[in-house]
Amino acid sequence: MLKVYAANWCPHCKKTVKFLEENNIKFDYIELEEQPQETVKLIIDANGGDDWVVPTLEFNGCWRPGKVYRENELRKDLKDMGVI
């Protein structure tokens, strides 16, 4: 299942979640600030190793680093990842 590592204060996370819900894409929402350091380290690594960026997505070992919400780009990335 698609995992969405996000923060509740992040507008791009909220838009990403709304897109997923509106398109009936199942996902697990993971509030990153509540996760153990090992999980945060995975997100930092997925985003180039300097800091964590949200929303970061993971599906079957395929990562999408945190990005500004752009619907067309998100849709393309989800297709490339095999989510849709």
PDB file of N, CA and C in Angstrom:
ATOM      1  N   MET A   1       0.839  -1.181   0.000  1.00  0.00           N
ATOM      2  CA  MET A   1       0.000   0.000   0.000  1.00  0.00           C
ATOM      3  C   MET A   1       0.885   1.246   0.000  1.00  0.00           C
ATOM      4  N   LEU A   2       0.397   2.280  -0.633  1.00  0.00           N
ATOM      5  CA  LEU A   2       1.087   3.557  -0.668  1.00  0.00           C
ATOM      6  C   LEU A   2       1.199   4.123   0.746  1.00  0.00           C
ATOM      7  N   LYS A   3       2.391   4.602   1.089  1.00  0.00           N
ATOM      8  CA  LYS A   3       2.609   5.262   2.369  1.00  0.00           C
ATOM      9  C   LYS A   3       2.871   6.739   2.099  1.00  0.00           C
ATOM     10  N   VAL A   4       2.179   7.587   2.861  1.00  0.00           N
ATOM     11  CA  VAL A   4       2.341   9.023   2.737  1.00  0.00           C
ATOM     12  C   VAL A   4       2.929   9.528   4.052  1.00  0.00           C
ATOM     13  N   TYR A   5       4.202   9.907   4.008  1.00  0.00           N
ATOM     14  CA  TYR A   5       4.859  10.489   5.167  1.00  0.00           C
ATOM     15  C   TYR A   5       4.629  11.991   5.076  1.00  0.00           C
ATOM     16  N   ALA A   6       3.950  12.548   6.084  1.00  0.00           N
ATOM     17  CA  ALA A   6       3.480  13.915   5.978  1.00  0.00           C
ATOM     18  C   ALA A   6       3.511  14.610   7.335  1.00  0.00           C
ATOM     19  N   ALA A   7       3.118  15.889   7.310  1.00  0.00           N
ATOM     20  CA  ALA A   7       2.971  16.678   8.531  1.00  0.00           C
ATOM     21  C   ALA A   7       1.643  17.410   8.448  1.00  0.00           C
ATOM     22  N   ASN A   8       0.921  17.438   9.540  1.00  0.00           N
ATOM     23  CA  ASN A   8      -0.430  17.999   9.511  1.00  0.00           C
ATOM     24  C   ASN A   8      -0.460  19.499   9.224  1.00  0.00           C
ATOM     25  N   TRP A   9       0.649  20.195   9.361  1.00  0.00           N
ATOM     26  CA  TRP A   9       0.731  21.632   9.096  1.00  0.00           C
ATOM     27  C   TRP A   9       1.125  21.948   7.652  1.00  0.00           C
ATOM     28  N   CYS A  10       1.428  20.934   6.872  1.00  0.00           N
ATOM     29  CA  CYS A  10       1.976  21.113   5.522  1.00  0.00           C
ATOM     30  C   CYS A  10       0.868  21.231   4.479  1.00  0.00           C
ATOM     31  N   PRO A  11       0.766  22.377   3.778  1.00  0.00           N
ATOM     32  CA  PRO A  11      -0.294  22.533   2.776  1.00  0.00           C
ATOM     33  C   PRO A  11      -0.148  21.574   1.592  1.00  0.00           C
ATOM     34  N   HIS A  12       1.079  21.226   1.223  1.00  0.00           N
ATOM     35  CA  HIS A  12       1.290  20.305   0.108  1.00  0.00           C
ATOM     36  C   HIS A  12       0.892  18.880   0.493  1.00  0.00           C
ATOM     37  N   CYS A  13       1.063  18.547   1.763  1.00  0.00           N
ATOM     38  CA  CYS A  13       0.609  17.248   2.273  1.00  0.00           C
ATOM     39  C   CYS A  13      -0.916  17.177   2.214  1.00  0.00           C
ATOM     40  N   LYS A  14      -1.566  18.235   2.660  1.00  0.00           N
ATOM     41  CA  LYS A  14      -3.029  18.267   2.653  1.00  0.00           C
ATOM     42  C   LYS A  14      -3.573  18.135   1.237  1.00  0.00           C
ATOM     43  N   LYS A  15      -2.961  18.810   0.284  1.00  0.00           N
ATOM     44  CA  LYS A  15      -3.414  18.729  -1.107  1.00  0.00           C
ATOM     45  C   LYS A  15      -3.173  17.336  -1.677  1.00  0.00           C
ATOM     46  N   THR A  16      -2.034  16.733  -1.318  1.00  0.00           N
ATOM     47  CA  THR A  16      -1.732  15.382  -1.785  1.00  0.00           C
ATOM     48  C   THR A  16      -2.752  14.387  -1.233  1.00  0.00           C
ATOM     49  N   VAL A  17      -3.049  14.477   0.047  1.00  0.00           N
ATOM     50  CA  VAL A  17      -4.032  13.588   0.679  1.00  0.00           C
ATOM     51  C   VAL A  17      -5.401  13.780   0.030  1.00  0.00           C
ATOM     52  N   LYS A  18      -5.791  15.008  -0.203  1.00  0.00           N
ATOM     53  CA  LYS A  18      -7.080  15.283  -0.841  1.00  0.00           C
ATOM     54  C   LYS A  18      -7.136  14.658  -2.231  1.00  0.00           C
ATOM     55  N   PHE A  19      -6.063  14.791  -3.007  1.00  0.00           N
ATOM     56  CA  PHE A  19      -5.997  14.184  -4.339  1.00  0.00           C
ATOM     57  C   PHE A  19      -6.169  12.671  -4.244  1.00  0.00           C
ATOM     58  N   LEU A  20      -5.461  12.046  -3.325  1.00  0.00           N
ATOM     59  CA  LEU A  20      -5.543  10.590  -3.174  1.00  0.00           C
ATOM     60  C   LEU A  20      -6.955  10.162  -2.798  1.00  0.00           C
ATOM     61  N   GLU A  21      -7.564  10.876  -1.872  1.00  0.00           N
ATOM     62  CA  GLU A  21      -8.924  10.543  -1.453  1.00  0.00           C
ATOM     63  C   GLU A  21      -9.919  10.725  -2.597  1.00  0.00           C
ATOM     64  N   GLU A  22      -9.810  11.834  -3.310  1.00  0.00           N
ATOM     65  CA  GLU A  22     -10.734  12.105  -4.417  1.00  0.00           C
ATOM     66  C   GLU A  22     -10.600  11.101  -5.554  1.00  0.00           C
ATOM     67  N   ASN A  23      -9.413  10.486  -5.674  1.00  0.00           N
ATOM     68  CA  ASN A  23      -9.174   9.514  -6.734  1.00  0.00           C
ATOM     69  C   ASN A  23      -9.230   8.081  -6.234  1.00  0.00           C
ATOM     70  N   ASN A  24      -9.758   7.907  -5.011  1.00  0.00           N
ATOM     71  CA  ASN A  24      -9.942   6.570  -4.429  1.00  0.00           C
ATOM     72  C   ASN A  24      -8.669   5.738  -4.418  1.00  0.00           C
ATOM     73  N   ILE A  25      -7.562   6.385  -4.107  1.00  0.00           N
ATOM     74  CA  ILE A  25      -6.280   5.697  -3.990  1.00  0.00           C
ATOM     75  C   ILE A  25      -6.042   5.423  -2.514  1.00  0.00           C
ATOM     76  N   LYS A  26      -5.950   4.159  -2.169  1.00  0.00           N
ATOM     77  CA  LYS A  26      -5.755   3.786  -0.772  1.00  0.00           C
ATOM     78  C   LYS A  26      -4.323   4.107  -0.345  1.00  0.00           C
ATOM     79  N   PHE A  27      -4.198   4.574   0.896  1.00  0.00           N
ATOM     80  CA  PHE A  27      -2.881   4.937   1.403  1.00  0.00           C
ATOM     81  C   PHE A  27      -2.890   4.892   2.920  1.00  0.00           C
ATOM     82  N   ASP A  28      -1.693   4.763   3.467  1.00  0.00           N
ATOM     83  CA  ASP A  28      -1.484   4.895   4.905  1.00  0.00           C
ATOM     84  C   ASP A  28      -0.867   6.261   5.138  1.00  0.00           C
ATOM     85  N   TYR A  29      -1.504   7.073   5.981  1.00  0.00           N
ATOM     86  CA  TYR A  29      -0.979   8.387   6.343  1.00  0.00           C
ATOM     87  C   TYR A  29      -0.099   8.222   7.570  1.00  0.00           C
ATOM     88  N   ILE A  30       1.127   8.707   7.473  1.00  0.00           N
ATOM     89  CA  ILE A  30       2.074   8.578   8.572  1.00  0.00           C
ATOM     90  C   ILE A  30       2.546   9.976   8.958  1.00  0.00           C
ATOM     91  N   GLU A  31       2.154  10.403  10.143  1.00  0.00           N
ATOM     92  CA  GLU A  31       2.557  11.713  10.662  1.00  0.00           C
ATOM     93  C   GLU A  31       4.035  11.628  11.035  1.00  0.00           C
ATOM     94  N   LEU A  32       4.891  12.245  10.227  1.00  0.00           N
ATOM     95  CA  LEU A  32       6.335  12.061  10.355  1.00  0.00           C
ATOM     96  C   LEU A  32       6.873  12.550  11.697  1.00  0.00           C
ATOM     97  N   GLU A  33       6.347  13.637  12.201  1.00  0.00           N
ATOM     98  CA  GLU A  33       6.872  14.186  13.449  1.00  0.00           C
ATOM     99  C   GLU A  33       6.589  13.296  14.662  1.00  0.00           C
ATOM    100  N   GLU A  34       5.742  12.296  14.487  1.00  0.00           N
ATOM    101  CA  GLU A  34       5.432  11.365  15.576  1.00  0.00           C
ATOM    102  C   GLU A  34       6.166  10.034  15.432  1.00  0.00           C
ATOM    103  N   GLN A  35       7.053   9.923  14.463  1.00  0.00           N
ATOM    104  CA  GLN A  35       7.727   8.663  14.176  1.00  0.00           C
ATOM    105  C   GLN A  35       9.078   8.577  14.881  1.00  0.00           C
ATOM    106  N   PRO A  36       9.543   7.346  15.106  1.00  0.00           N
ATOM    107  CA  PRO A  36      10.860   7.166  15.713  1.00  0.00           C
ATOM    108  C   PRO A  36      11.969   7.652  14.766  1.00  0.00           C
ATOM    109  N   GLN A  37      13.119   7.901  15.345  1.00  0.00           N
ATOM    110  CA  GLN A  37      14.250   8.442  14.575  1.00  0.00           C
ATOM    111  C   GLN A  37      14.632   7.555  13.388  1.00  0.00           C
ATOM    112  N   GLU A  38      14.458   6.241  13.509  1.00  0.00           N
ATOM    113  CA  GLU A  38      14.812   5.347  12.391  1.00  0.00           C
ATOM    114  C   GLU A  38      13.947   5.654  11.159  1.00  0.00           C
ATOM    115  N   THR A  39      12.676   5.917  11.391  1.00  0.00           N
ATOM    116  CA  THR A  39      11.765   6.245  10.289  1.00  0.00           C
ATOM    117  C   THR A  39      12.112   7.602   9.698  1.00  0.00           C
ATOM    118  N   VAL A  40      12.387   8.566  10.555  1.00  0.00           N
ATOM    119  CA  VAL A  40      12.768   9.898  10.077  1.00  0.00           C
ATOM    120  C   VAL A  40      14.032   9.801   9.222  1.00  0.00           C
ATOM    121  N   LYS A  41      14.968   8.954   9.634  1.00  0.00           N
ATOM    122  CA  LYS A  41      16.220   8.762   8.865  1.00  0.00           C
ATOM    123  C   LYS A  41      15.921   8.225   7.472  1.00  0.00           C
ATOM    124  N   LEU A  42      14.968   7.301   7.350  1.00  0.00           N
ATOM    125  CA  LEU A  42      14.584   6.798   6.025  1.00  0.00           C
ATOM    126  C   LEU A  42      14.086   7.930   5.129  1.00  0.00           C
ATOM    127  N   ILE A  43      13.296   8.825   5.694  1.00  0.00           N
ATOM    128  CA  ILE A  43      12.749   9.937   4.921  1.00  0.00           C
ATOM    129  C   ILE A  43      13.849  10.922   4.554  1.00  0.00           C
ATOM    130  N   ILE A  44      14.760  11.162   5.473  1.00  0.00           N
ATOM    131  CA  ILE A  44      15.908  12.024   5.162  1.00  0.00           C
ATOM    132  C   ILE A  44      16.708  11.424   4.012  1.00  0.00           C
ATOM    133  N   ASP A  45      16.976  10.131   4.061  1.00  0.00           N
ATOM    134  CA  ASP A  45      17.725   9.459   2.993  1.00  0.00           C
ATOM    135  C   ASP A  45      16.983   9.527   1.659  1.00  0.00           C
ATOM    136  N   ALA A  46      15.665   9.351   1.694  1.00  0.00           N
ATOM    137  CA  ALA A  46      14.861   9.405   0.464  1.00  0.00           C
ATOM    138  C   ALA A  46      14.868  10.799  -0.157  1.00  0.00           C
ATOM    139  N   ASN A  47      15.187  11.805   0.664  1.00  0.00           N
ATOM    140  CA  ASN A  47      15.206  13.188   0.198  1.00  0.00           C
ATOM    141  C   ASN A  47      16.622  13.733   0.025  1.00  0.00           C
ATOM    142  N   GLY A  48      17.573  12.865  -0.175  1.00  0.00           N
ATOM    143  CA  GLY A  48      18.928  13.296  -0.498  1.00  0.00           C
ATOM    144  C   GLY A  48      19.900  13.348   0.663  1.00  0.00           C
ATOM    145  N   GLY A  49      19.457  13.022   1.872  1.00  0.00           N
ATOM    146  CA  GLY A  49      20.364  12.887   2.995  1.00  0.00           C
ATOM    147  C   GLY A  49      20.605  14.117   3.845  1.00  0.00           C
ATOM    148  N   ASP A  50      20.018  15.270   3.493  1.00  0.00           N
ATOM    149  CA  ASP A  50      20.271  16.478   4.271  1.00  0.00           C
ATOM    150  C   ASP A  50      19.195  16.756   5.312  1.00  0.00           C
ATOM    151  N   ASP A  51      17.937  16.582   4.947  1.00  0.00           N
ATOM    152  CA  ASP A  51      16.825  16.879   5.842  1.00  0.00           C
ATOM    153  C   ASP A  51      15.598  16.158   5.313  1.00  0.00           C
ATOM    154  N   TRP A  52      14.550  16.098   6.132  1.00  0.00           N
ATOM    155  CA  TRP A  52      13.310  15.477   5.663  1.00  0.00           C
ATOM    156  C   TRP A  52      12.441  16.529   5.005  1.00  0.00           C
ATOM    157  N   VAL A  53      11.719  16.072   3.993  1.00  0.00           N
ATOM    158  CA  VAL A  53      10.804  16.920   3.233  1.00  0.00           C
ATOM    159  C   VAL A  53       9.507  16.132   3.079  1.00  0.00           C
ATOM    160  N   VAL A  54       8.386  16.799   3.245  1.00  0.00           N
ATOM    161  CA  VAL A  54       7.093  16.137   3.098  1.00  0.00           C
ATOM    162  C   VAL A  54       6.264  16.854   2.047  1.00  0.00           C
ATOM    163  N   PRO A  55       5.346  16.156   1.411  1.00  0.00           N
ATOM    164  CA  PRO A  55       5.042  14.742   1.583  1.00  0.00           C
ATOM    165  C   PRO A  55       6.019  13.849   0.816  1.00  0.00           C
ATOM    166  N   THR A  56       6.550  12.873   1.495  1.00  0.00           N
ATOM    167  CA  THR A  56       7.376  11.853   0.861  1.00  0.00           C
ATOM    168  C   THR A  56       6.513  10.608   0.738  1.00  0.00           C
ATOM    169  N   LEU A  57       6.524   9.997  -0.436  1.00  0.00           N
ATOM    170  CA  LEU A  57       5.687   8.825  -0.700  1.00  0.00           C
ATOM    171  C   LEU A  57       6.560   7.598  -0.917  1.00  0.00           C
ATOM    172  N   GLU A  58       6.035   6.441  -0.505  1.00  0.00           N
ATOM    173  CA  GLU A  58       6.735   5.170  -0.725  1.00  0.00           C
ATOM    174  C   GLU A  58       5.710   4.119  -1.136  1.00  0.00           C
ATOM    175  N   PHE A  59       6.060   3.358  -2.160  1.00  0.00           N
ATOM    176  CA  PHE A  59       5.207   2.273  -2.630  1.00  0.00           C
ATOM    177  C   PHE A  59       6.084   1.124  -3.084  1.00  0.00           C
ATOM    178  N   ASN A  60       5.996   0.010  -2.374  1.00  0.00           N
ATOM    179  CA  ASN A  60       6.760  -1.195  -2.713  1.00  0.00           C
ATOM    180  C   ASN A  60       8.249  -0.911  -2.922  1.00  0.00           C
ATOM    181  N   GLY A  61       8.821  -0.108  -2.034  1.00  0.00           N
ATOM    182  CA  GLY A  61      10.245   0.190  -2.100  1.00  0.00           C
ATOM    183  C   GLY A  61      10.625   1.304  -3.047  1.00  0.00           C
ATOM    184  N   CYS A  62       9.667   1.853  -3.748  1.00  0.00           N
ATOM    185  CA  CYS A  62       9.910   2.965  -4.672  1.00  0.00           C
ATOM    186  C   CYS A  62       9.546   4.269  -3.952  1.00  0.00           C
ATOM    187  N   TRP A  63      10.470   5.212  -3.919  1.00  0.00           N
ATOM    188  CA  TRP A  63      10.292   6.447  -3.169  1.00  0.00           C
ATOM    189  C   TRP A  63      10.048   7.641  -4.084  1.00  0.00           C
ATOM    190  N   ARG A  64       9.197   8.536  -3.635  1.00  0.00           N
ATOM    191  CA  ARG A  64       9.010   9.849  -4.275  1.00  0.00           C
ATOM    192  C   ARG A  64       9.376  10.880  -3.213  1.00  0.00           C
ATOM    193  N   PRO A  65      10.496  11.580  -3.409  1.00  0.00           N
ATOM    194  CA  PRO A  65      10.890  12.597  -2.433  1.00  0.00           C
ATOM    195  C   PRO A  65       9.820  13.671  -2.291  1.00  0.00           C
ATOM    196  N   GLY A  66       9.877  14.397  -1.188  1.00  0.00           N
ATOM    197  CA  GLY A  66       8.936  15.469  -0.947  1.00  0.00           C
ATOM    198  C   GLY A  66       8.998  16.528  -2.032  1.00  0.00           C
ATOM    199  N   LYS A  67       7.837  16.954  -2.481  1.00  0.00           N
ATOM    200  CA  LYS A  67       7.749  17.949  -3.555  1.00  0.00           C
ATOM    201  C   LYS A  67       6.578  18.880  -3.304  1.00  0.00           C
ATOM    202  N   VAL A  68       6.652  20.034  -3.953  1.00  0.00           N
ATOM    203  CA  VAL A  68       5.525  20.957  -3.992  1.00  0.00           C
ATOM    204  C   VAL A  68       4.386  20.260  -4.730  1.00  0.00           C
ATOM    205  N   TYR A  69       3.155  20.451  -4.268  1.00  0.00           N
ATOM    206  CA  TYR A  69       2.020  19.798  -4.905  1.00  0.00           C
ATOM    207  C   TYR A  69       1.746  20.383  -6.278  1.00  0.00           C
ATOM    208  N   ARG A  70       1.788  19.524  -7.260  1.00  0.00           N
ATOM    209  CA  ARG A  70       1.368  19.826  -8.632  1.00  0.00           C
ATOM    210  C   ARG A  70       0.631  18.585  -9.110  1.00  0.00           C
ATOM    211  N   GLU A  71      -0.658  18.729  -9.347  1.00  0.00           N
ATOM    212  CA  GLU A  71      -1.508  17.564  -9.627  1.00  0.00           C
ATOM    213  C   GLU A  71      -0.969  16.708 -10.766  1.00  0.00           C
ATOM    214  N   ASN A  72      -0.627  17.308 -11.888  1.00  0.00           N
ATOM    215  CA  ASN A  72      -0.170  16.523 -13.037  1.00  0.00           C
ATOM    216  C   ASN A  72       1.121  15.776 -12.731  1.00  0.00           C
ATOM    217  N   GLU A  73       2.016  16.414 -12.003  1.00  0.00           N
ATOM    218  CA  GLU A  73       3.281  15.770 -11.642  1.00  0.00           C
ATOM    219  C   GLU A  73       3.037  14.618 -10.666  1.00  0.00           C
ATOM    220  N   LEU A  74       2.154  14.828  -9.694  1.00  0.00           N
ATOM    221  CA  LEU A  74       1.825  13.765  -8.748  1.00  0.00           C
ATOM    222  C   LEU A  74       1.202  12.582  -9.470  1.00  0.00           C
ATOM    223  N   ARG A  75       0.256  12.843 -10.363  1.00  0.00           N
ATOM    224  CA  ARG A  75      -0.399  11.774 -11.121  1.00  0.00           C
ATOM    225  C   ARG A  75       0.632  10.969 -11.926  1.00  0.00           C
ATOM    226  N   LYS A  76       1.543  11.664 -12.590  1.00  0.00           N
ATOM    227  CA  LYS A  76       2.586  10.991 -13.381  1.00  0.00           C
ATOM    228  C   LYS A  76       3.487  10.142 -12.478  1.00  0.00           C
ATOM    229  N   ASP A  77       3.907  10.722 -11.355  1.00  0.00           N
ATOM    230  CA  ASP A  77       4.787   9.982 -10.445  1.00  0.00           C
ATOM    231  C   ASP A  77       4.092   8.742  -9.876  1.00  0.00           C
ATOM    232  N   LEU A  78       2.823   8.861  -9.552  1.00  0.00           N
ATOM    233  CA  LEU A  78       2.076   7.698  -9.051  1.00  0.00           C
ATOM    234  C   LEU A  78       1.964   6.614 -10.115  1.00  0.00           C
ATOM    235  N   LYS A  79       1.794   7.010 -11.377  1.00  0.00           N
ATOM    236  CA  LYS A  79       1.768   6.025 -12.470  1.00  0.00           C
ATOM    237  C   LYS A  79       3.144   5.371 -12.603  1.00  0.00           C
ATOM    238  N   ASP A  80       4.200   6.172 -12.568  1.00  0.00           N
ATOM    239  CA  ASP A  80       5.554   5.642 -12.696  1.00  0.00           C
ATOM    240  C   ASP A  80       5.901   4.675 -11.554  1.00  0.00           C
ATOM    241  N   MET A  81       5.344   4.939 -10.386  1.00  0.00           N
ATOM    242  CA  MET A  81       5.598   4.082  -9.217  1.00  0.00           C
ATOM    243  C   MET A  81       4.744   2.812  -9.231  1.00  0.00           C
ATOM    244  N   GLY A  82       3.726   2.758 -10.105  1.00  0.00           N
ATOM    245  CA  GLY A  82       2.844   1.602 -10.173  1.00  0.00           C
ATOM    246  C   GLY A  82       1.664   1.669  -9.227  1.00  0.00           C
ATOM    247  N   VAL A  83       1.403   2.857  -8.679  1.00  0.00           N
ATOM    248  CA  VAL A  83       0.286   3.018  -7.748  1.00  0.00           C
ATOM    249  C   VAL A  83      -1.039   3.048  -8.528  1.00  0.00           C
ATOM    250  N   ILE A  84      -1.028   3.741  -9.657  1.00  0.00           N
ATOM    251  CA  ILE A  84      -2.232   3.837 -10.498  1.00  0.00           C
ATOM    252  C   ILE A  84      -1.914   3.436 -11.923  1.00  0.00           C
TER     253      ILE A  84
END
